[in-house]
């Protein structure tokens, strides 16, 4: 890891300026799509709501017919997930950023995975990139496991269980380790 840090320099830990609700909605929009396609659909989605390009509120999303959300390019499953995220945000299950500060990583994961379309990995991305939690290791992430394989000269990726055990040595900065492992995986793709 020391060599990776030396090669890539300091890790950017600037949080994304998004609410947990927006982050979860965007994550669902990106599931199983390439980034450009997802951003095109999200642009059409935001344009449905007259808020000068700002992300729509949960109440606004719930006020639209599902067919309107389908017309921007979301699948029926994604429409159900996005509406469920909005419903949970409107009733307080998806906390605000301030509310997240009062909850542990595990409490947030347990609370948010109950929402349709939101799994552990999605919540871990929220924890790392929006909330800047320092000690999250997404062991199910292909890029993290591939980065580990490359960085440590392994023929096969570690299993999530193996990576979790190895990652104990990176506590309390496992989020930073994950970011460096993504850098290694991306560097290898290029």
N, C-alpha and C. Protein backbone atom coordinates (compact mmCIF):
# COMPACT_ATOMS: atom_id res chain seq x y z
N UNK A 1 0.83 -1.19 0.00
CA UNK A 1 0.00 0.00 0.00
C UNK A 1 0.88 1.26 0.00
N UNK A 2 1.99 1.18 0.67
CA UNK A 2 2.89 2.34 0.71
C UNK A 2 3.33 2.75 -0.70
N UNK A 3 3.64 1.77 -1.54
CA UNK A 3 4.06 2.06 -2.92
C UNK A 3 2.91 2.67 -3.73
N UNK A 4 1.72 2.18 -3.54
CA UNK A 4 0.55 2.72 -4.24
C UNK A 4 0.35 4.19 -3.85
N UNK A 5 0.44 4.49 -2.58
CA UNK A 5 0.27 5.86 -2.09
C UNK A 5 1.36 6.75 -2.66
N UNK A 6 2.57 6.25 -2.68
CA UNK A 6 3.69 7.01 -3.22
C UNK A 6 3.48 7.32 -4.71
N UNK A 7 2.99 6.32 -5.45
CA UNK A 7 2.79 6.47 -6.89
C UNK A 7 1.62 7.40 -7.22
N UNK A 8 0.56 7.35 -6.46
CA UNK A 8 -0.66 8.12 -6.78
C UNK A 8 -0.77 9.44 -6.02
N UNK A 9 0.02 9.61 -5.00
CA UNK A 9 -0.05 10.87 -4.24
C UNK A 9 -1.23 10.90 -3.30
N UNK A 10 -1.50 12.07 -2.73
CA UNK A 10 -2.59 12.19 -1.75
C UNK A 10 -3.94 11.83 -2.36
N UNK A 11 -4.78 11.27 -1.54
CA UNK A 11 -6.11 10.85 -1.94
C UNK A 11 -7.09 12.00 -1.72
N UNK A 12 -7.90 12.31 -2.73
CA UNK A 12 -8.89 13.38 -2.62
C UNK A 12 -10.07 12.88 -1.79
N UNK A 13 -10.29 13.51 -0.65
CA UNK A 13 -11.37 13.10 0.23
C UNK A 13 -12.47 14.16 0.30
N UNK A 14 -12.61 14.96 -0.74
CA UNK A 14 -13.64 15.98 -0.78
C UNK A 14 -15.01 15.33 -0.93
N UNK A 15 -15.93 15.64 -0.01
CA UNK A 15 -17.25 15.02 -0.12
C UNK A 15 -18.04 15.59 -1.29
N UNK A 16 -18.92 14.77 -1.84
CA UNK A 16 -19.85 15.25 -2.87
C UNK A 16 -20.93 16.05 -2.15
N UNK A 17 -21.31 17.16 -2.73
CA UNK A 17 -22.32 18.02 -2.13
C UNK A 17 -23.71 17.55 -2.54
N UNK A 18 -24.10 16.40 -2.04
CA UNK A 18 -25.41 15.83 -2.34
C UNK A 18 -26.04 15.31 -1.07
N UNK A 19 -27.35 15.35 -1.04
CA UNK A 19 -28.06 14.77 0.09
C UNK A 19 -28.02 13.24 -0.03
N UNK A 20 -28.21 12.54 1.08
CA UNK A 20 -28.30 11.08 0.99
C UNK A 20 -29.41 10.63 0.03
N UNK A 21 -30.54 11.32 0.05
CA UNK A 21 -31.64 10.99 -0.87
C UNK A 21 -31.18 11.09 -2.33
N UNK A 22 -30.53 12.19 -2.69
CA UNK A 22 -30.07 12.35 -4.07
C UNK A 22 -29.02 11.31 -4.42
N UNK A 23 -28.10 11.05 -3.50
CA UNK A 23 -27.05 10.06 -3.75
C UNK A 23 -27.64 8.68 -4.03
N UNK A 24 -28.60 8.27 -3.21
CA UNK A 24 -29.22 6.95 -3.42
C UNK A 24 -29.97 6.90 -4.74
N UNK A 25 -30.68 7.97 -5.07
CA UNK A 25 -31.43 8.01 -6.33
C UNK A 25 -30.48 7.92 -7.52
N UNK A 26 -29.40 8.68 -7.47
CA UNK A 26 -28.41 8.65 -8.55
C UNK A 26 -27.76 7.26 -8.66
N UNK A 27 -27.50 6.65 -7.52
CA UNK A 27 -26.88 5.32 -7.54
C UNK A 27 -27.79 4.31 -8.22
N UNK A 28 -29.07 4.35 -7.92
CA UNK A 28 -30.01 3.43 -8.56
C UNK A 28 -30.08 3.72 -10.06
N UNK A 29 -30.08 4.98 -10.44
CA UNK A 29 -30.11 5.34 -11.86
C UNK A 29 -28.91 4.77 -12.60
N UNK A 30 -27.77 4.69 -11.93
CA UNK A 30 -26.54 4.20 -12.57
C UNK A 30 -26.43 2.68 -12.61
N UNK A 31 -27.26 1.99 -11.85
CA UNK A 31 -27.15 0.53 -11.80
C UNK A 31 -27.33 -0.08 -13.19
N UNK A 32 -26.40 -0.91 -13.59
CA UNK A 32 -26.42 -1.67 -14.84
C UNK A 32 -26.45 -0.80 -16.10
N UNK A 33 -25.96 0.42 -16.00
CA UNK A 33 -25.83 1.31 -17.16
C UNK A 33 -24.44 1.89 -17.19
N UNK A 34 -23.97 2.26 -18.39
CA UNK A 34 -22.71 3.00 -18.41
C UNK A 34 -22.99 4.42 -17.94
N UNK A 35 -21.96 5.09 -17.49
CA UNK A 35 -22.10 6.41 -16.89
C UNK A 35 -22.77 7.44 -17.77
N UNK A 36 -22.42 7.46 -19.05
CA UNK A 36 -22.98 8.46 -19.96
C UNK A 36 -24.49 8.27 -20.13
N UNK A 37 -24.91 7.02 -20.30
CA UNK A 37 -26.35 6.74 -20.47
C UNK A 37 -27.12 7.12 -19.20
N UNK A 38 -26.56 6.76 -18.06
CA UNK A 38 -27.22 7.09 -16.79
C UNK A 38 -27.35 8.59 -16.60
N UNK A 39 -26.29 9.33 -16.93
CA UNK A 39 -26.34 10.79 -16.77
C UNK A 39 -27.32 11.44 -17.74
N UNK A 40 -27.46 10.88 -18.93
CA UNK A 40 -28.45 11.39 -19.89
C UNK A 40 -29.86 11.22 -19.33
N UNK A 41 -30.14 10.03 -18.80
CA UNK A 41 -31.45 9.76 -18.23
C UNK A 41 -31.69 10.64 -17.00
N UNK A 42 -30.67 10.79 -16.16
CA UNK A 42 -30.81 11.65 -14.99
C UNK A 42 -31.07 13.11 -15.39
N UNK A 43 -30.44 13.56 -16.46
CA UNK A 43 -30.68 14.92 -16.94
C UNK A 43 -32.13 15.11 -17.35
N UNK A 44 -32.70 14.12 -18.04
CA UNK A 44 -34.11 14.19 -18.42
C UNK A 44 -35.01 14.14 -17.20
N UNK A 45 -34.62 13.32 -16.23
CA UNK A 45 -35.37 13.20 -14.97
C UNK A 45 -35.44 14.54 -14.25
N UNK A 46 -34.30 15.18 -14.06
CA UNK A 46 -34.24 16.48 -13.38
C UNK A 46 -35.05 17.52 -14.16
N UNK A 47 -35.01 17.46 -15.48
CA UNK A 47 -35.73 18.43 -16.32
C UNK A 47 -37.25 18.30 -16.20
N UNK A 48 -37.73 17.16 -15.71
CA UNK A 48 -39.18 16.99 -15.51
C UNK A 48 -39.73 17.92 -14.43
N UNK A 49 -38.85 18.39 -13.58
CA UNK A 49 -39.27 19.15 -12.41
C UNK A 49 -38.76 20.58 -12.51
N UNK A 50 -39.64 21.57 -12.44
CA UNK A 50 -39.22 22.97 -12.60
C UNK A 50 -38.54 23.53 -11.34
N UNK A 51 -37.26 23.25 -11.20
CA UNK A 51 -36.50 23.74 -10.04
C UNK A 51 -35.16 24.30 -10.50
N UNK A 52 -35.11 24.90 -11.68
CA UNK A 52 -33.87 25.49 -12.20
C UNK A 52 -32.70 24.52 -12.19
N UNK A 53 -32.95 23.29 -12.59
CA UNK A 53 -31.88 22.32 -12.70
C UNK A 53 -31.50 21.66 -11.39
N UNK A 54 -32.16 22.03 -10.30
CA UNK A 54 -31.86 21.38 -9.02
C UNK A 54 -32.56 20.03 -8.94
N UNK A 55 -32.01 19.14 -8.17
CA UNK A 55 -32.56 17.80 -8.05
C UNK A 55 -33.95 17.87 -7.43
N UNK A 56 -34.91 17.09 -7.94
CA UNK A 56 -36.28 17.17 -7.43
C UNK A 56 -36.40 16.65 -6.00
N UNK A 57 -37.32 17.24 -5.27
CA UNK A 57 -37.57 16.80 -3.90
C UNK A 57 -38.27 15.44 -3.91
N UNK A 58 -38.21 14.73 -2.80
CA UNK A 58 -38.93 13.45 -2.73
C UNK A 58 -40.43 13.62 -3.00
N UNK A 59 -41.00 14.69 -2.46
CA UNK A 59 -42.43 14.93 -2.64
C UNK A 59 -42.77 15.17 -4.11
N UNK A 60 -41.89 15.88 -4.81
CA UNK A 60 -42.12 16.13 -6.24
C UNK A 60 -42.08 14.82 -7.03
N UNK A 61 -41.15 13.95 -6.71
CA UNK A 61 -41.04 12.65 -7.39
C UNK A 61 -42.30 11.83 -7.13
N UNK A 62 -42.75 11.83 -5.88
CA UNK A 62 -43.96 11.06 -5.55
C UNK A 62 -45.21 11.65 -6.20
N UNK A 63 -45.17 12.93 -6.53
CA UNK A 63 -46.30 13.58 -7.18
C UNK A 63 -46.40 13.31 -8.68
N UNK A 64 -45.38 12.74 -9.26
CA UNK A 64 -45.38 12.40 -10.70
C UNK A 64 -45.87 10.98 -10.91
N UNK A 65 -46.53 10.79 -12.01
CA UNK A 65 -46.97 9.43 -12.37
C UNK A 65 -45.74 8.59 -12.73
N UNK A 66 -45.78 7.31 -12.39
CA UNK A 66 -44.67 6.43 -12.78
C UNK A 66 -44.42 6.45 -14.29
N UNK A 67 -45.47 6.60 -15.09
CA UNK A 67 -45.29 6.61 -16.54
C UNK A 67 -44.42 7.79 -17.00
N UNK A 68 -44.49 8.91 -16.29
CA UNK A 68 -43.65 10.06 -16.64
C UNK A 68 -42.18 9.73 -16.39
N UNK A 69 -41.91 8.99 -15.32
CA UNK A 69 -40.53 8.60 -15.01
C UNK A 69 -40.03 7.55 -16.01
N UNK A 70 -40.94 6.70 -16.47
CA UNK A 70 -40.56 5.70 -17.47
C UNK A 70 -40.17 6.39 -18.78
N UNK A 71 -40.89 7.46 -19.13
CA UNK A 71 -40.62 8.14 -20.40
C UNK A 71 -39.24 8.78 -20.46
N UNK A 72 -38.62 9.09 -19.32
CA UNK A 72 -37.28 9.67 -19.37
C UNK A 72 -36.22 8.60 -19.60
N UNK A 73 -36.61 7.31 -19.48
CA UNK A 73 -35.66 6.24 -19.78
C UNK A 73 -35.43 5.25 -18.65
N UNK A 74 -36.09 5.43 -17.51
CA UNK A 74 -35.93 4.47 -16.42
C UNK A 74 -36.75 3.22 -16.69
N UNK A 75 -36.22 2.07 -16.33
CA UNK A 75 -36.97 0.82 -16.41
C UNK A 75 -38.06 0.85 -15.34
N UNK A 76 -39.00 -0.05 -15.47
CA UNK A 76 -40.08 -0.13 -14.47
C UNK A 76 -39.50 -0.42 -13.08
N UNK A 77 -38.51 -1.30 -13.02
CA UNK A 77 -37.89 -1.63 -11.73
C UNK A 77 -37.21 -0.40 -11.12
N UNK A 78 -36.53 0.39 -11.95
CA UNK A 78 -35.87 1.60 -11.43
C UNK A 78 -36.89 2.63 -10.98
N UNK A 79 -38.00 2.74 -11.69
CA UNK A 79 -39.05 3.67 -11.26
C UNK A 79 -39.56 3.27 -9.89
N UNK A 80 -39.81 1.98 -9.68
CA UNK A 80 -40.27 1.51 -8.37
C UNK A 80 -39.23 1.82 -7.29
N UNK A 81 -37.95 1.60 -7.60
CA UNK A 81 -36.89 1.86 -6.63
C UNK A 81 -36.78 3.36 -6.33
N UNK A 82 -36.80 4.19 -7.35
CA UNK A 82 -36.66 5.64 -7.15
C UNK A 82 -37.85 6.18 -6.35
N UNK A 83 -39.04 5.70 -6.64
CA UNK A 83 -40.21 6.13 -5.88
C UNK A 83 -40.13 5.63 -4.44
N UNK A 84 -39.58 4.44 -4.23
CA UNK A 84 -39.43 3.93 -2.86
C UNK A 84 -38.40 4.74 -2.08
N UNK A 85 -37.32 5.13 -2.74
CA UNK A 85 -36.33 6.00 -2.09
C UNK A 85 -37.01 7.32 -1.71
N UNK A 86 -37.77 7.90 -2.64
CA UNK A 86 -38.45 9.17 -2.37
C UNK A 86 -39.44 9.01 -1.21
N UNK A 87 -40.19 7.93 -1.19
CA UNK A 87 -41.15 7.68 -0.11
C UNK A 87 -40.44 7.57 1.24
N UNK A 88 -39.33 6.85 1.26
CA UNK A 88 -38.58 6.70 2.51
C UNK A 88 -37.89 8.00 2.92
N UNK A 89 -37.49 8.81 1.94
CA UNK A 89 -36.90 10.12 2.27
C UNK A 89 -37.97 11.05 2.83
N UNK A 90 -39.16 11.03 2.23
CA UNK A 90 -40.24 11.90 2.68
C UNK A 90 -40.69 11.55 4.10
N UNK A 91 -40.62 10.26 4.46
CA UNK A 91 -41.06 9.89 5.81
C UNK A 91 -39.92 9.78 6.81
N UNK A 92 -38.71 10.19 6.40
CA UNK A 92 -37.59 10.29 7.34
C UNK A 92 -36.71 9.06 7.50
N UNK A 93 -37.01 7.98 6.79
CA UNK A 93 -36.16 6.79 6.88
C UNK A 93 -34.79 7.09 6.26
N UNK A 94 -34.79 7.80 5.12
CA UNK A 94 -33.53 8.27 4.54
C UNK A 94 -33.23 9.59 5.25
N UNK A 95 -32.24 9.59 6.11
CA UNK A 95 -31.98 10.80 6.88
C UNK A 95 -31.30 11.89 6.04
N UNK A 96 -31.37 13.09 6.55
CA UNK A 96 -30.61 14.19 5.97
C UNK A 96 -29.13 13.95 6.27
N UNK A 97 -28.27 14.76 5.70
CA UNK A 97 -26.83 14.64 6.01
C UNK A 97 -26.60 14.83 7.50
N UNK A 98 -27.29 15.78 8.08
CA UNK A 98 -27.15 16.02 9.52
C UNK A 98 -27.64 14.81 10.32
N UNK A 99 -28.74 14.21 9.89
CA UNK A 99 -29.25 13.03 10.56
C UNK A 99 -28.29 11.85 10.44
N UNK A 100 -27.61 11.76 9.30
CA UNK A 100 -26.63 10.68 9.11
C UNK A 100 -25.49 10.79 10.12
N UNK A 101 -25.14 12.01 10.48
CA UNK A 101 -24.03 12.22 11.42
C UNK A 101 -24.31 11.58 12.77
N UNK A 102 -25.57 11.38 13.09
CA UNK A 102 -25.93 10.78 14.38
C UNK A 102 -26.01 9.25 14.32
N UNK A 103 -25.81 8.68 13.13
CA UNK A 103 -25.93 7.24 12.97
C UNK A 103 -24.58 6.63 12.59
N UNK A 104 -24.33 5.43 13.09
CA UNK A 104 -23.10 4.72 12.75
C UNK A 104 -23.22 4.16 11.33
N UNK A 105 -22.10 3.72 10.78
CA UNK A 105 -22.10 3.10 9.45
C UNK A 105 -23.07 1.91 9.43
N UNK A 106 -22.98 1.04 10.44
CA UNK A 106 -23.83 -0.14 10.48
C UNK A 106 -25.30 0.22 10.62
N UNK A 107 -25.60 1.25 11.41
CA UNK A 107 -27.00 1.68 11.55
C UNK A 107 -27.55 2.19 10.22
N UNK A 108 -26.73 2.95 9.49
CA UNK A 108 -27.17 3.45 8.19
C UNK A 108 -27.38 2.31 7.20
N UNK A 109 -26.46 1.36 7.19
CA UNK A 109 -26.60 0.22 6.27
C UNK A 109 -27.88 -0.54 6.59
N UNK A 110 -28.08 -0.86 7.86
CA UNK A 110 -29.26 -1.62 8.26
C UNK A 110 -30.55 -0.88 7.90
N UNK A 111 -30.55 0.41 8.08
CA UNK A 111 -31.74 1.22 7.82
C UNK A 111 -32.04 1.36 6.33
N UNK A 112 -31.00 1.57 5.52
CA UNK A 112 -31.22 1.90 4.11
C UNK A 112 -31.36 0.70 3.19
N UNK A 113 -30.83 -0.46 3.57
CA UNK A 113 -30.96 -1.63 2.69
C UNK A 113 -32.38 -2.16 2.64
N UNK A 114 -33.26 -1.64 3.47
CA UNK A 114 -34.67 -2.03 3.45
C UNK A 114 -35.41 -1.40 2.26
N UNK A 115 -34.78 -0.42 1.62
CA UNK A 115 -35.40 0.29 0.51
C UNK A 115 -35.18 -0.51 -0.77
N UNK A 116 -36.21 -0.57 -1.59
CA UNK A 116 -36.15 -1.29 -2.87
C UNK A 116 -34.98 -0.73 -3.70
N UNK A 117 -34.15 -1.63 -4.24
CA UNK A 117 -33.06 -1.23 -5.12
C UNK A 117 -31.80 -0.75 -4.43
N UNK A 118 -31.83 -0.68 -3.10
CA UNK A 118 -30.67 -0.19 -2.34
C UNK A 118 -30.07 -1.37 -1.58
N UNK A 119 -28.85 -1.73 -1.95
CA UNK A 119 -28.15 -2.80 -1.27
C UNK A 119 -26.99 -2.27 -0.46
N UNK A 120 -26.29 -3.15 0.16
CA UNK A 120 -25.16 -2.77 1.01
C UNK A 120 -24.13 -1.95 0.23
N UNK A 121 -23.80 -2.38 -1.00
CA UNK A 121 -22.80 -1.67 -1.79
C UNK A 121 -23.23 -0.22 -2.02
N UNK A 122 -24.50 -0.01 -2.33
CA UNK A 122 -25.01 1.35 -2.58
C UNK A 122 -24.83 2.22 -1.35
N UNK A 123 -25.15 1.67 -0.19
CA UNK A 123 -24.99 2.44 1.05
C UNK A 123 -23.51 2.69 1.34
N UNK A 124 -22.67 1.72 1.04
CA UNK A 124 -21.23 1.93 1.25
C UNK A 124 -20.71 3.07 0.37
N UNK A 125 -21.21 3.19 -0.86
CA UNK A 125 -20.79 4.31 -1.72
C UNK A 125 -21.25 5.65 -1.13
N UNK A 126 -22.45 5.67 -0.57
CA UNK A 126 -22.95 6.86 0.14
C UNK A 126 -22.02 7.20 1.31
N UNK A 127 -21.67 6.20 2.08
CA UNK A 127 -20.79 6.41 3.25
C UNK A 127 -19.43 6.95 2.84
N UNK A 128 -18.86 6.42 1.77
CA UNK A 128 -17.52 6.82 1.35
C UNK A 128 -17.52 8.17 0.65
N UNK A 129 -18.36 8.33 -0.35
CA UNK A 129 -18.24 9.50 -1.24
C UNK A 129 -19.09 10.70 -0.84
N UNK A 130 -20.22 10.48 -0.19
CA UNK A 130 -21.06 11.62 0.20
C UNK A 130 -20.82 12.01 1.65
N UNK A 131 -20.74 11.01 2.52
CA UNK A 131 -20.57 11.30 3.95
C UNK A 131 -19.12 11.30 4.39
N UNK A 132 -18.21 10.86 3.50
CA UNK A 132 -16.77 10.81 3.79
C UNK A 132 -16.45 10.06 5.08
N UNK A 133 -17.10 8.95 5.27
CA UNK A 133 -16.78 8.10 6.42
C UNK A 133 -15.43 7.45 6.16
N UNK A 134 -14.53 7.46 7.13
CA UNK A 134 -13.15 7.03 6.88
C UNK A 134 -12.89 5.53 6.89
N UNK A 135 -13.81 4.73 7.43
CA UNK A 135 -13.47 3.33 7.67
C UNK A 135 -14.47 2.36 7.05
N UNK A 136 -14.68 2.48 5.74
CA UNK A 136 -15.62 1.60 5.02
C UNK A 136 -14.83 0.86 3.95
N UNK A 137 -14.89 -0.45 3.98
CA UNK A 137 -14.22 -1.26 2.95
C UNK A 137 -15.29 -2.06 2.20
N UNK A 138 -15.62 -1.64 0.98
CA UNK A 138 -16.65 -2.34 0.20
C UNK A 138 -16.10 -3.63 -0.41
N UNK A 139 -16.11 -4.70 0.36
CA UNK A 139 -15.46 -5.95 -0.04
C UNK A 139 -16.15 -6.64 -1.21
N UNK A 140 -17.39 -6.25 -1.51
CA UNK A 140 -18.10 -6.85 -2.64
C UNK A 140 -17.85 -6.10 -3.94
N UNK A 141 -17.11 -5.00 -3.88
CA UNK A 141 -16.87 -4.18 -5.06
C UNK A 141 -15.81 -4.83 -5.95
N UNK A 142 -16.16 -5.05 -7.23
CA UNK A 142 -15.23 -5.68 -8.17
C UNK A 142 -13.95 -4.87 -8.29
N UNK A 143 -14.04 -3.54 -8.41
CA UNK A 143 -12.86 -2.70 -8.59
C UNK A 143 -11.91 -2.76 -7.41
N UNK A 144 -12.45 -2.80 -6.21
CA UNK A 144 -11.60 -2.89 -5.01
C UNK A 144 -10.89 -4.24 -4.99
N UNK A 145 -11.62 -5.30 -5.25
CA UNK A 145 -10.99 -6.63 -5.25
C UNK A 145 -9.97 -6.77 -6.37
N UNK A 146 -10.30 -6.20 -7.55
CA UNK A 146 -9.35 -6.26 -8.68
C UNK A 146 -8.11 -5.41 -8.38
N UNK A 147 -8.29 -4.25 -7.79
CA UNK A 147 -7.15 -3.41 -7.41
C UNK A 147 -6.25 -4.13 -6.42
N UNK A 148 -6.85 -4.84 -5.48
CA UNK A 148 -6.07 -5.63 -4.51
C UNK A 148 -5.28 -6.71 -5.24
N UNK A 149 -5.96 -7.41 -6.15
CA UNK A 149 -5.29 -8.49 -6.89
C UNK A 149 -4.06 -7.96 -7.61
N UNK A 150 -4.21 -6.84 -8.29
CA UNK A 150 -3.10 -6.27 -9.06
C UNK A 150 -2.02 -5.75 -8.12
N UNK A 151 -2.42 -4.97 -7.13
CA UNK A 151 -1.45 -4.35 -6.23
C UNK A 151 -0.62 -5.37 -5.46
N UNK A 152 -1.23 -6.48 -5.10
CA UNK A 152 -0.54 -7.47 -4.29
C UNK A 152 -0.06 -8.67 -5.09
N UNK A 153 -0.11 -8.55 -6.44
CA UNK A 153 0.45 -9.57 -7.31
C UNK A 153 -0.20 -10.94 -7.20
N UNK A 154 -1.50 -10.95 -7.03
CA UNK A 154 -2.22 -12.22 -6.92
C UNK A 154 -2.77 -12.65 -8.28
N UNK A 155 -2.91 -13.94 -8.47
CA UNK A 155 -3.49 -14.42 -9.73
C UNK A 155 -5.01 -14.30 -9.73
N UNK A 156 -5.61 -14.45 -8.55
CA UNK A 156 -7.06 -14.37 -8.44
C UNK A 156 -7.44 -13.27 -7.46
N UNK A 157 -8.62 -12.72 -7.69
CA UNK A 157 -9.14 -11.73 -6.74
C UNK A 157 -9.41 -12.41 -5.40
N UNK A 158 -9.25 -11.68 -4.31
CA UNK A 158 -9.62 -12.25 -3.02
C UNK A 158 -11.14 -12.37 -2.93
N UNK A 159 -11.60 -13.29 -2.14
CA UNK A 159 -13.03 -13.34 -1.86
C UNK A 159 -13.36 -12.17 -0.94
N UNK A 160 -14.63 -11.79 -0.85
CA UNK A 160 -14.97 -10.73 0.10
C UNK A 160 -14.50 -11.04 1.52
N UNK A 161 -14.63 -12.29 1.94
CA UNK A 161 -14.20 -12.68 3.29
C UNK A 161 -12.68 -12.49 3.45
N UNK A 162 -11.92 -12.89 2.45
CA UNK A 162 -10.46 -12.72 2.51
C UNK A 162 -10.07 -11.25 2.55
N UNK A 163 -10.74 -10.44 1.72
CA UNK A 163 -10.43 -9.01 1.68
C UNK A 163 -10.81 -8.34 2.99
N UNK A 164 -11.94 -8.74 3.57
CA UNK A 164 -12.36 -8.18 4.86
C UNK A 164 -11.30 -8.46 5.93
N UNK A 165 -10.81 -9.70 5.95
CA UNK A 165 -9.79 -10.07 6.95
C UNK A 165 -8.50 -9.28 6.72
N UNK A 166 -8.05 -9.19 5.47
CA UNK A 166 -6.82 -8.45 5.16
C UNK A 166 -6.99 -6.97 5.49
N UNK A 167 -8.18 -6.45 5.20
CA UNK A 167 -8.46 -5.03 5.40
C UNK A 167 -8.43 -4.58 6.85
N UNK A 168 -8.46 -5.51 7.77
CA UNK A 168 -8.39 -5.13 9.19
C UNK A 168 -7.13 -4.31 9.49
N UNK A 169 -6.05 -4.56 8.76
CA UNK A 169 -4.80 -3.84 9.01
C UNK A 169 -4.87 -2.38 8.56
N UNK A 170 -5.90 -2.04 7.76
CA UNK A 170 -6.03 -0.66 7.27
C UNK A 170 -6.93 0.20 8.17
N UNK A 171 -7.51 -0.41 9.20
CA UNK A 171 -8.37 0.34 10.12
C UNK A 171 -7.57 1.47 10.74
N UNK A 172 -8.10 2.61 10.98
CA UNK A 172 -9.46 3.09 10.75
C UNK A 172 -9.59 3.87 9.44
N UNK A 173 -8.79 3.52 8.44
CA UNK A 173 -8.79 4.25 7.16
C UNK A 173 -9.07 3.35 5.97
N UNK A 174 -9.98 2.42 6.13
CA UNK A 174 -10.26 1.48 5.05
C UNK A 174 -10.89 2.16 3.84
N UNK A 175 -11.60 3.27 4.03
CA UNK A 175 -12.15 4.01 2.88
C UNK A 175 -11.04 4.54 2.00
N UNK A 176 -9.98 5.01 2.62
CA UNK A 176 -8.83 5.52 1.87
C UNK A 176 -8.16 4.36 1.12
N UNK A 177 -8.00 3.23 1.79
CA UNK A 177 -7.42 2.05 1.12
C UNK A 177 -8.26 1.66 -0.09
N UNK A 178 -9.59 1.68 0.06
CA UNK A 178 -10.47 1.34 -1.07
C UNK A 178 -10.26 2.30 -2.23
N UNK A 179 -10.13 3.57 -1.94
CA UNK A 179 -9.92 4.56 -3.01
C UNK A 179 -8.61 4.29 -3.75
N UNK A 180 -7.57 3.94 -3.01
CA UNK A 180 -6.30 3.62 -3.68
C UNK A 180 -6.41 2.34 -4.50
N UNK A 181 -7.15 1.36 -4.02
CA UNK A 181 -7.32 0.13 -4.78
C UNK A 181 -8.12 0.40 -6.06
N UNK A 182 -9.11 1.30 -6.00
CA UNK A 182 -9.82 1.69 -7.23
C UNK A 182 -8.86 2.35 -8.21
N UNK A 183 -7.95 3.19 -7.68
CA UNK A 183 -6.97 3.84 -8.56
C UNK A 183 -6.12 2.81 -9.29
N UNK A 184 -5.70 1.79 -8.56
CA UNK A 184 -4.88 0.73 -9.17
C UNK A 184 -5.68 0.00 -10.26
N UNK A 185 -6.92 -0.33 -9.97
CA UNK A 185 -7.75 -1.03 -10.96
C UNK A 185 -7.97 -0.15 -12.19
N UNK A 186 -8.24 1.14 -11.99
CA UNK A 186 -8.47 2.05 -13.12
C UNK A 186 -7.20 2.25 -13.93
N UNK A 187 -6.08 2.32 -13.26
CA UNK A 187 -4.79 2.46 -13.94
C UNK A 187 -4.54 1.24 -14.83
N UNK A 188 -4.89 0.07 -14.35
CA UNK A 188 -4.68 -1.16 -15.14
C UNK A 188 -5.59 -1.20 -16.35
N UNK A 189 -6.82 -0.66 -16.22
CA UNK A 189 -7.75 -0.62 -17.36
C UNK A 189 -7.23 0.31 -18.46
N UNK A 190 -6.62 1.41 -18.03
CA UNK A 190 -6.11 2.39 -19.00
C UNK A 190 -4.89 1.82 -19.70
